[in-house]
Amino acid sequence: MKYIILDIETGPAPLDAILAMAPEIERGKPDSRLKDPEKVAANMAAIEARYEADKRAVIERAALSAETGLVLAVGTLDDENYEGLYANETNDDASEKACLQGMALVLKQAAIDNVPVIGHNIKGFDLPFFMRRCWRHGVRFNRNDIFDGRYFRRNIVDTMETWAAGEYGRKMSLNNLAKYFGLPEKLGTGDQFAQWWNGGERD
C-alpha cells in the first residue's frame, strides 16, 4: 500500500446536546423603560426573534464543531482501490465510539507502515474533530500515530496545506481545487450528508 485517502463526515448532535453546549444563546431582557403595552409587546417579539435566530445559527453550524456534532462516517480509499467504511449506524454513543475506534486503527497502521494519510483540510478539521470525539467517548488512540512532538507526523498530508505552498492562511475549497485541475466537482456538502444519512439515503 502506497497511500490512504481519508475523510470523515459529521452531523449535528441531538438538539438538547447542541443547546446544552451553547450557553451563549440566551433570551434578552425586556427594556424596563418601556411602559406602553404595544411597545413592550414589540420589544418582547424582537427579543424572541433574535433568540430564535441565534438558536437556528448554532444548530446550522452544529456539525462543524466536536462539541455540538458527531462523526457519522469515516471513509478510506487506498491506491489498490480498497474502500473502507466505518459507520455510525445508529447515531448513538456506542455506534460513534465503534466508528472512532475504526479510524484509530487506520491511523495506527498508517503510522506503523509510514504510509501517507491524505485528506483535504485533514489537519484543520478531520483529525482535531476525531480526537475531540475520542476524548468525549474515552476512545484510546496513540497521539504518536498523529503527531511527532508538537507537529503532525510527516505521513499526514493535507491537500489544503499543500495548495497553500507555504503562504500563511491561504485556503482552497476541495470543490475549487478539483475544478482548478479539471476534475469533476465535489458533489454535495457536509450538511447535506447528514440529511441524507439521517434520512436513510445511505448508499
C-alpha atoms as a PDB file:
ATOM      1  CA  MET A   1       0.000   0.000   0.000  1.00  0.00           C
ATOM      2  CA  LYS A   2       1.361   3.421  -1.010  1.00  0.00           C
ATOM      3  CA  TYR A   3      -1.203   5.798   0.492  1.00  0.00           C
ATOM      4  CA  ILE A   4      -4.597   6.115   2.185  1.00  0.00           C
ATOM      5  CA  ILE A   5      -7.150   8.813   1.428  1.00  0.00           C
ATOM      6  CA  LEU A   6      -9.266   9.564   4.490  1.00  0.00           C
ATOM      7  CA  ASP A   7     -12.371  11.666   5.053  1.00  0.00           C
ATOM      8  CA  ILE A   8     -14.863  11.977   7.876  1.00  0.00           C
ATOM      9  CA  GLU A   9     -18.475  13.057   7.616  1.00  0.00           C
ATOM     10  CA  THR A  10     -20.132  14.720  10.559  1.00  0.00           C
ATOM     11  CA  GLY A  11     -23.629  15.634  11.610  1.00  0.00           C
ATOM     12  CA  PRO A  12     -25.373  17.526  14.380  1.00  0.00           C
ATOM     13  CA  ALA A  13     -25.756  16.011  17.819  1.00  0.00           C
ATOM     14  CA  PRO A  14     -29.274  15.741  19.279  1.00  0.00           C
ATOM     15  CA  LEU A  15     -30.860  19.152  19.802  1.00  0.00           C
ATOM     16  CA  ASP A  16     -30.686  19.051  23.604  1.00  0.00           C
ATOM     17  CA  ALA A  17     -26.945  18.319  23.435  1.00  0.00           C
ATOM     18  CA  ILE A  18     -26.405  21.182  20.982  1.00  0.00           C
ATOM     19  CA  LEU A  19     -28.230  23.696  23.145  1.00  0.00           C
ATOM     20  CA  ALA A  20     -26.505  22.453  26.294  1.00  0.00           C
ATOM     21  CA  MET A  21     -23.141  23.290  24.728  1.00  0.00           C
ATOM     22  CA  ALA A  22     -24.276  26.714  23.550  1.00  0.00           C
ATOM     23  CA  PRO A  23     -24.847  28.731  26.746  1.00  0.00           C
ATOM     24  CA  GLU A  24     -24.419  31.982  24.838  1.00  0.00           C
ATOM     25  CA  ILE A  25     -27.915  31.506  23.441  1.00  0.00           C
ATOM     26  CA  GLU A  26     -29.925  33.443  25.967  1.00  0.00           C
ATOM     27  CA  ARG A  27     -33.117  35.399  25.742  1.00  0.00           C
ATOM     28  CA  GLY A  28     -32.535  39.099  26.168  1.00  0.00           C
ATOM     29  CA  LYS A  29     -34.178  41.060  28.937  1.00  0.00           C
ATOM     30  CA  PRO A  30     -37.079  43.390  28.168  1.00  0.00           C
ATOM     31  CA  ASP A  31     -36.419  47.122  28.166  1.00  0.00           C
ATOM     32  CA  SER A  32     -37.687  48.224  31.584  1.00  0.00           C
ATOM     33  CA  ARG A  33     -38.039  51.812  30.375  1.00  0.00           C
ATOM     34  CA  LEU A  34     -40.924  50.876  28.111  1.00  0.00           C
ATOM     35  CA  LYS A  35     -44.387  51.380  29.586  1.00  0.00           C
ATOM     36  CA  ASP A  36     -46.669  51.390  26.578  1.00  0.00           C
ATOM     37  CA  PRO A  37     -48.148  47.850  26.193  1.00  0.00           C
ATOM     38  CA  GLU A  38     -47.691  47.870  22.420  1.00  0.00           C
ATOM     39  CA  LYS A  39     -44.032  48.883  22.705  1.00  0.00           C
ATOM     40  CA  VAL A  40     -43.468  46.288  25.419  1.00  0.00           C
ATOM     41  CA  ALA A  41     -45.021  43.616  23.179  1.00  0.00           C
ATOM     42  CA  ALA A  42     -42.912  44.732  20.204  1.00  0.00           C
ATOM     43  CA  ASN A  43     -39.785  44.655  22.358  1.00  0.00           C
ATOM     44  CA  MET A  44     -40.576  41.142  23.569  1.00  0.00           C
ATOM     45  CA  ALA A  45     -41.264  39.972  19.999  1.00  0.00           C
ATOM     46  CA  ALA A  46     -37.892  41.355  18.864  1.00  0.00           C
ATOM     47  CA  ILE A  47     -36.127  39.605  21.753  1.00  0.00           C
ATOM     48  CA  GLU A  48     -37.796  36.299  20.890  1.00  0.00           C
ATOM     49  CA  ALA A  49     -36.955  36.688  17.191  1.00  0.00           C
ATOM     50  CA  ARG A  50     -33.278  37.295  17.996  1.00  0.00           C
ATOM     51  CA  TYR A  51     -33.254  34.293  20.333  1.00  0.00           C
ATOM     52  CA  GLU A  52     -34.729  32.011  17.665  1.00  0.00           C
ATOM     53  CA  ALA A  53     -32.293  33.341  15.031  1.00  0.00           C
ATOM     54  CA  ASP A  54     -29.318  32.742  17.337  1.00  0.00           C
ATOM     55  CA  LYS A  55     -30.565  29.240  18.094  1.00  0.00           C
ATOM     56  CA  ARG A  56     -31.004  28.429  14.392  1.00  0.00           C
ATOM     57  CA  ALA A  57     -27.482  29.682  13.652  1.00  0.00           C
ATOM     58  CA  VAL A  58     -25.966  27.405  16.309  1.00  0.00           C
ATOM     59  CA  ILE A  59     -27.981  24.419  15.083  1.00  0.00           C
ATOM     60  CA  GLU A  60     -26.930  25.046  11.469  1.00  0.00           C
ATOM     61  CA  ARG A  61     -23.248  25.107  12.480  1.00  0.00           C
ATOM     62  CA  ALA A  62     -23.531  22.188  14.908  1.00  0.00           C
ATOM     63  CA  ALA A  63     -21.976  19.577  12.622  1.00  0.00           C
ATOM     64  CA  LEU A  64     -18.786  21.638  12.268  1.00  0.00           C
ATOM     65  CA  SER A  65     -17.870  21.501  15.962  1.00  0.00           C
ATOM     66  CA  ALA A  66     -16.945  18.454  18.025  1.00  0.00           C
ATOM     67  CA  GLU A  67     -18.835  19.976  20.960  1.00  0.00           C
ATOM     68  CA  THR A  68     -22.155  20.071  19.084  1.00  0.00           C
ATOM     69  CA  GLY A  69     -21.601  17.477  16.377  1.00  0.00           C
ATOM     70  CA  LEU A  70     -20.708  13.823  15.991  1.00  0.00           C
ATOM     71  CA  VAL A  71     -18.964  11.586  13.497  1.00  0.00           C
ATOM     72  CA  LEU A  72     -21.404   9.853  11.168  1.00  0.00           C
ATOM     73  CA  ALA A  73     -18.929   8.031   8.938  1.00  0.00           C
ATOM     74  CA  VAL A  74     -15.249   7.621   8.160  1.00  0.00           C
ATOM     75  CA  GLY A  75     -14.324   6.656   4.625  1.00  0.00           C
ATOM     76  CA  THR A  76     -10.955   5.460   3.337  1.00  0.00           C
ATOM     77  CA  LEU A  77      -9.588   4.622  -0.091  1.00  0.00           C
ATOM     78  CA  ASP A  78      -6.136   3.303  -0.876  1.00  0.00           C
ATOM     79  CA  ASP A  79      -4.070   3.051  -4.052  1.00  0.00           C
ATOM     80  CA  GLU A  80      -5.305  -0.504  -4.572  1.00  0.00           C
ATOM     81  CA  ASN A  81      -8.890   0.820  -4.699  1.00  0.00           C
ATOM     82  CA  TYR A  82      -9.800  -0.818  -1.423  1.00  0.00           C
ATOM     83  CA  GLU A  83     -12.623   1.174   0.114  1.00  0.00           C
ATOM     84  CA  GLY A  84     -13.152   1.143   3.860  1.00  0.00           C
ATOM     85  CA  LEU A  85     -16.159   2.496   5.722  1.00  0.00           C
ATOM     86  CA  TYR A  86     -16.596   2.934   9.452  1.00  0.00           C
ATOM     87  CA  ALA A  87     -20.164   3.995  10.031  1.00  0.00           C
ATOM     88  CA  ASN A  88     -22.100   5.382  12.971  1.00  0.00           C
ATOM     89  CA  GLU A  89     -25.094   3.228  12.101  1.00  0.00           C
ATOM     90  CA  THR A  90     -27.446   4.165  14.926  1.00  0.00           C
ATOM     91  CA  ASN A  91     -26.307   7.693  15.875  1.00  0.00           C
ATOM     92  CA  ASP A  92     -25.723   6.741  19.486  1.00  0.00           C
ATOM     93  CA  ASP A  93     -22.652   6.797  21.711  1.00  0.00           C
ATOM     94  CA  ALA A  94     -21.765   3.125  21.224  1.00  0.00           C
ATOM     95  CA  SER A  95     -22.020   3.329  17.442  1.00  0.00           C
ATOM     96  CA  GLU A  96     -19.985   6.526  17.176  1.00  0.00           C
ATOM     97  CA  LYS A  97     -17.394   5.035  19.525  1.00  0.00           C
ATOM     98  CA  ALA A  98     -17.017   1.982  17.259  1.00  0.00           C
ATOM     99  CA  CYS A  99     -16.635   4.297  14.257  1.00  0.00           C
ATOM    100  CA  LEU A 100     -13.870   6.246  16.013  1.00  0.00           C
ATOM    101  CA  GLN A 101     -12.112   3.034  17.030  1.00  0.00           C
ATOM    102  CA  GLY A 102     -12.031   2.000  13.360  1.00  0.00           C
ATOM    103  CA  MET A 103     -10.422   5.306  12.383  1.00  0.00           C
ATOM    104  CA  ALA A 104      -7.883   4.979  15.200  1.00  0.00           C
ATOM    105  CA  LEU A 105      -6.821   1.599  13.793  1.00  0.00           C
ATOM    106  CA  VAL A 106      -6.354   3.114  10.317  1.00  0.00           C
ATOM    107  CA  LEU A 107      -4.130   5.872  11.729  1.00  0.00           C
ATOM    108  CA  LYS A 108      -2.136   3.375  13.810  1.00  0.00           C
ATOM    109  CA  GLN A 109      -1.425   1.078  10.874  1.00  0.00           C
ATOM    110  CA  ALA A 110      -0.508   4.011   8.639  1.00  0.00           C
ATOM    111  CA  ALA A 111       1.961   5.231  11.264  1.00  0.00           C
ATOM    112  CA  ILE A 112       3.496   1.760  11.632  1.00  0.00           C
ATOM    113  CA  ASP A 113       3.862   1.362   7.853  1.00  0.00           C
ATOM    114  CA  ASN A 114       4.743   5.058   7.366  1.00  0.00           C
ATOM    115  CA  VAL A 115       2.012   5.302   4.724  1.00  0.00           C
ATOM    116  CA  PRO A 116       0.745   8.788   3.773  1.00  0.00           C
ATOM    117  CA  VAL A 117      -2.738   9.575   5.079  1.00  0.00           C
ATOM    118  CA  ILE A 118      -4.166  12.154   2.687  1.00  0.00           C
ATOM    119  CA  GLY A 119      -7.168  14.422   3.144  1.00  0.00           C
ATOM    120  CA  HIS A 120      -8.360  17.931   2.370  1.00  0.00           C
ATOM    121  CA  ASN A 121      -8.184  20.147   5.477  1.00  0.00           C
ATOM    122  CA  ILE A 122      -7.497  16.980   7.429  1.00  0.00           C
ATOM    123  CA  LYS A 123      -5.253  18.878   9.858  1.00  0.00           C
ATOM    124  CA  GLY A 124      -7.706  21.716  10.311  1.00  0.00           C
ATOM    125  CA  PHE A 125     -10.896  19.675  10.663  1.00  0.00           C
ATOM    126  CA  ASP A 126     -10.922  15.880  10.376  1.00  0.00           C
ATOM    127  CA  LEU A 127      -8.170  14.987  12.840  1.00  0.00           C
ATOM    128  CA  PRO A 128      -8.996  17.593  15.525  1.00  0.00           C
ATOM    129  CA  PHE A 129     -12.691  16.583  15.309  1.00  0.00           C
ATOM    130  CA  PHE A 130     -11.706  12.904  15.574  1.00  0.00           C
ATOM    131  CA  MET A 131      -9.503  13.482  18.632  1.00  0.00           C
ATOM    132  CA  ARG A 132     -12.100  15.561  20.476  1.00  0.00           C
ATOM    133  CA  ARG A 133     -14.824  12.978  19.884  1.00  0.00           C
ATOM    134  CA  CYS A 134     -12.420  10.252  21.064  1.00  0.00           C
ATOM    135  CA  TRP A 135     -11.882  12.185  24.293  1.00  0.00           C
ATOM    136  CA  ARG A 136     -15.660  12.507  24.655  1.00  0.00           C
ATOM    137  CA  HIS A 137     -16.142   8.729  24.435  1.00  0.00           C
ATOM    138  CA  GLY A 138     -12.931   7.601  26.113  1.00  0.00           C
ATOM    139  CA  VAL A 139     -11.620   6.042  22.894  1.00  0.00           C
ATOM    140  CA  ARG A 140      -7.914   5.325  23.209  1.00  0.00           C
ATOM    141  CA  PHE A 141      -5.658   6.459  20.392  1.00  0.00           C
ATOM    142  CA  ASN A 142      -1.910   6.897  20.312  1.00  0.00           C
ATOM    143  CA  ARG A 143      -1.012  10.565  19.962  1.00  0.00           C
ATOM    144  CA  ASN A 144       2.203   9.481  18.241  1.00  0.00           C
ATOM    145  CA  ASP A 145       0.113   7.997  15.414  1.00  0.00           C
ATOM    146  CA  ILE A 146      -0.879  11.584  14.561  1.00  0.00           C
ATOM    147  CA  PHE A 147       1.839  13.868  15.953  1.00  0.00           C
ATOM    148  CA  ASP A 148       5.602  13.943  16.018  1.00  0.00           C
ATOM    149  CA  GLY A 149       6.206  16.156  19.012  1.00  0.00           C
ATOM    150  CA  ARG A 150       4.294  19.416  18.513  1.00  0.00           C
ATOM    151  CA  TYR A 151       3.643  18.905  14.816  1.00  0.00           C
ATOM    152  CA  PHE A 152       1.656  16.494  12.699  1.00  0.00           C
ATOM    153  CA  ARG A 153       3.548  13.437  11.513  1.00  0.00           C
ATOM    154  CA  ARG A 154       5.119  13.759   8.087  1.00  0.00           C
ATOM    155  CA  ASN A 155       2.854  10.990   6.783  1.00  0.00           C
ATOM    156  CA  ILE A 156      -0.230  13.178   7.432  1.00  0.00           C
ATOM    157  CA  VAL A 157      -0.716  15.012   4.138  1.00  0.00           C
ATOM    158  CA  ASP A 158      -3.232  17.878   3.962  1.00  0.00           C
ATOM    159  CA  THR A 159      -4.003  18.906   0.398  1.00  0.00           C
ATOM    160  CA  MET A 160      -5.242  22.311   1.561  1.00  0.00           C
ATOM    161  CA  GLU A 161      -1.884  22.911   3.241  1.00  0.00           C
ATOM    162  CA  THR A 162      -0.061  21.634   0.161  1.00  0.00           C
ATOM    163  CA  TRP A 163      -2.038  24.043  -2.017  1.00  0.00           C
ATOM    164  CA  ALA A 164      -1.024  26.973   0.230  1.00  0.00           C
ATOM    165  CA  ALA A 165       2.584  26.389  -0.920  1.00  0.00           C
ATOM    166  CA  GLY A 166       3.910  27.951   2.270  1.00  0.00           C
ATOM    167  CA  GLU A 167       1.645  31.028   2.089  1.00  0.00           C
ATOM    168  CA  TYR A 168       0.171  31.563   5.562  1.00  0.00           C
ATOM    169  CA  GLY A 169      -3.628  31.433   5.706  1.00  0.00           C
ATOM    170  CA  ARG A 170      -4.082  30.507   2.034  1.00  0.00           C
ATOM    171  CA  LYS A 171      -7.062  28.183   1.612  1.00  0.00           C
ATOM    172  CA  MET A 172      -8.866  26.484  -1.245  1.00  0.00           C
ATOM    173  CA  SER A 173     -12.096  24.536  -1.065  1.00  0.00           C
ATOM    174  CA  LEU A 174     -11.984  20.951  -2.285  1.00  0.00           C
ATOM    175  CA  ASN A 175     -14.568  21.809  -4.930  1.00  0.00           C
ATOM    176  CA  ASN A 176     -12.495  24.682  -6.334  1.00  0.00           C
ATOM    177  CA  LEU A 177      -9.317  22.607  -6.164  1.00  0.00           C
ATOM    178  CA  ALA A 178     -10.975  19.890  -8.217  1.00  0.00           C
ATOM    179  CA  LYS A 179     -12.192  22.439 -10.781  1.00  0.00           C
ATOM    180  CA  TYR A 180      -8.719  24.010 -10.964  1.00  0.00           C
ATOM    181  CA  PHE A 181      -7.222  20.677 -12.003  1.00  0.00           C
ATOM    182  CA  GLY A 182     -10.062  19.918 -14.424  1.00  0.00           C
ATOM    183  CA  LEU A 183     -11.522  17.177 -12.261  1.00  0.00           C
ATOM    184  CA  PRO A 184     -15.203  16.521 -11.530  1.00  0.00           C
ATOM    185  CA  GLU A 185     -16.635  18.874  -8.933  1.00  0.00           C
ATOM    186  CA  LYS A 186     -17.333  17.753  -5.406  1.00  0.00           C
ATOM    187  CA  LEU A 187     -20.976  16.720  -5.143  1.00  0.00           C
ATOM    188  CA  GLY A 188     -22.911  17.827  -2.094  1.00  0.00           C
ATOM    189  CA  THR A 189     -21.867  19.413   1.173  1.00  0.00           C
ATOM    190  CA  GLY A 190     -21.377  18.195   4.716  1.00  0.00           C
ATOM    191  CA  ASP A 191     -24.768  19.366   5.898  1.00  0.00           C
ATOM    192  CA  GLN A 192     -26.414  17.536   3.002  1.00  0.00           C
ATOM    193  CA  PHE A 193     -24.609  14.352   4.006  1.00  0.00           C
ATOM    194  CA  ALA A 194     -26.184  14.483   7.444  1.00  0.00           C
ATOM    195  CA  GLN A 195     -29.625  14.990   5.900  1.00  0.00           C
ATOM    196  CA  TRP A 196     -29.138  12.041   3.544  1.00  0.00           C
ATOM    197  CA  TRP A 197     -27.639   9.807   6.235  1.00  0.00           C
ATOM    198  CA  ASN A 198     -30.279  10.530   8.839  1.00  0.00           C
ATOM    199  CA  GLY A 199     -32.971  10.279   6.172  1.00  0.00           C
ATOM    200  CA  GLY A 200     -31.961   6.735   5.303  1.00  0.00           C
ATOM    201  CA  GLU A 201     -30.227   7.524   1.959  1.00  0.00           C
ATOM    202  CA  ARG A 202     -27.026   5.791   2.954  1.00  0.00           C
ATOM    203  CA  ASP A 203     -25.990   4.110  -0.296  1.00  0.00           C
END
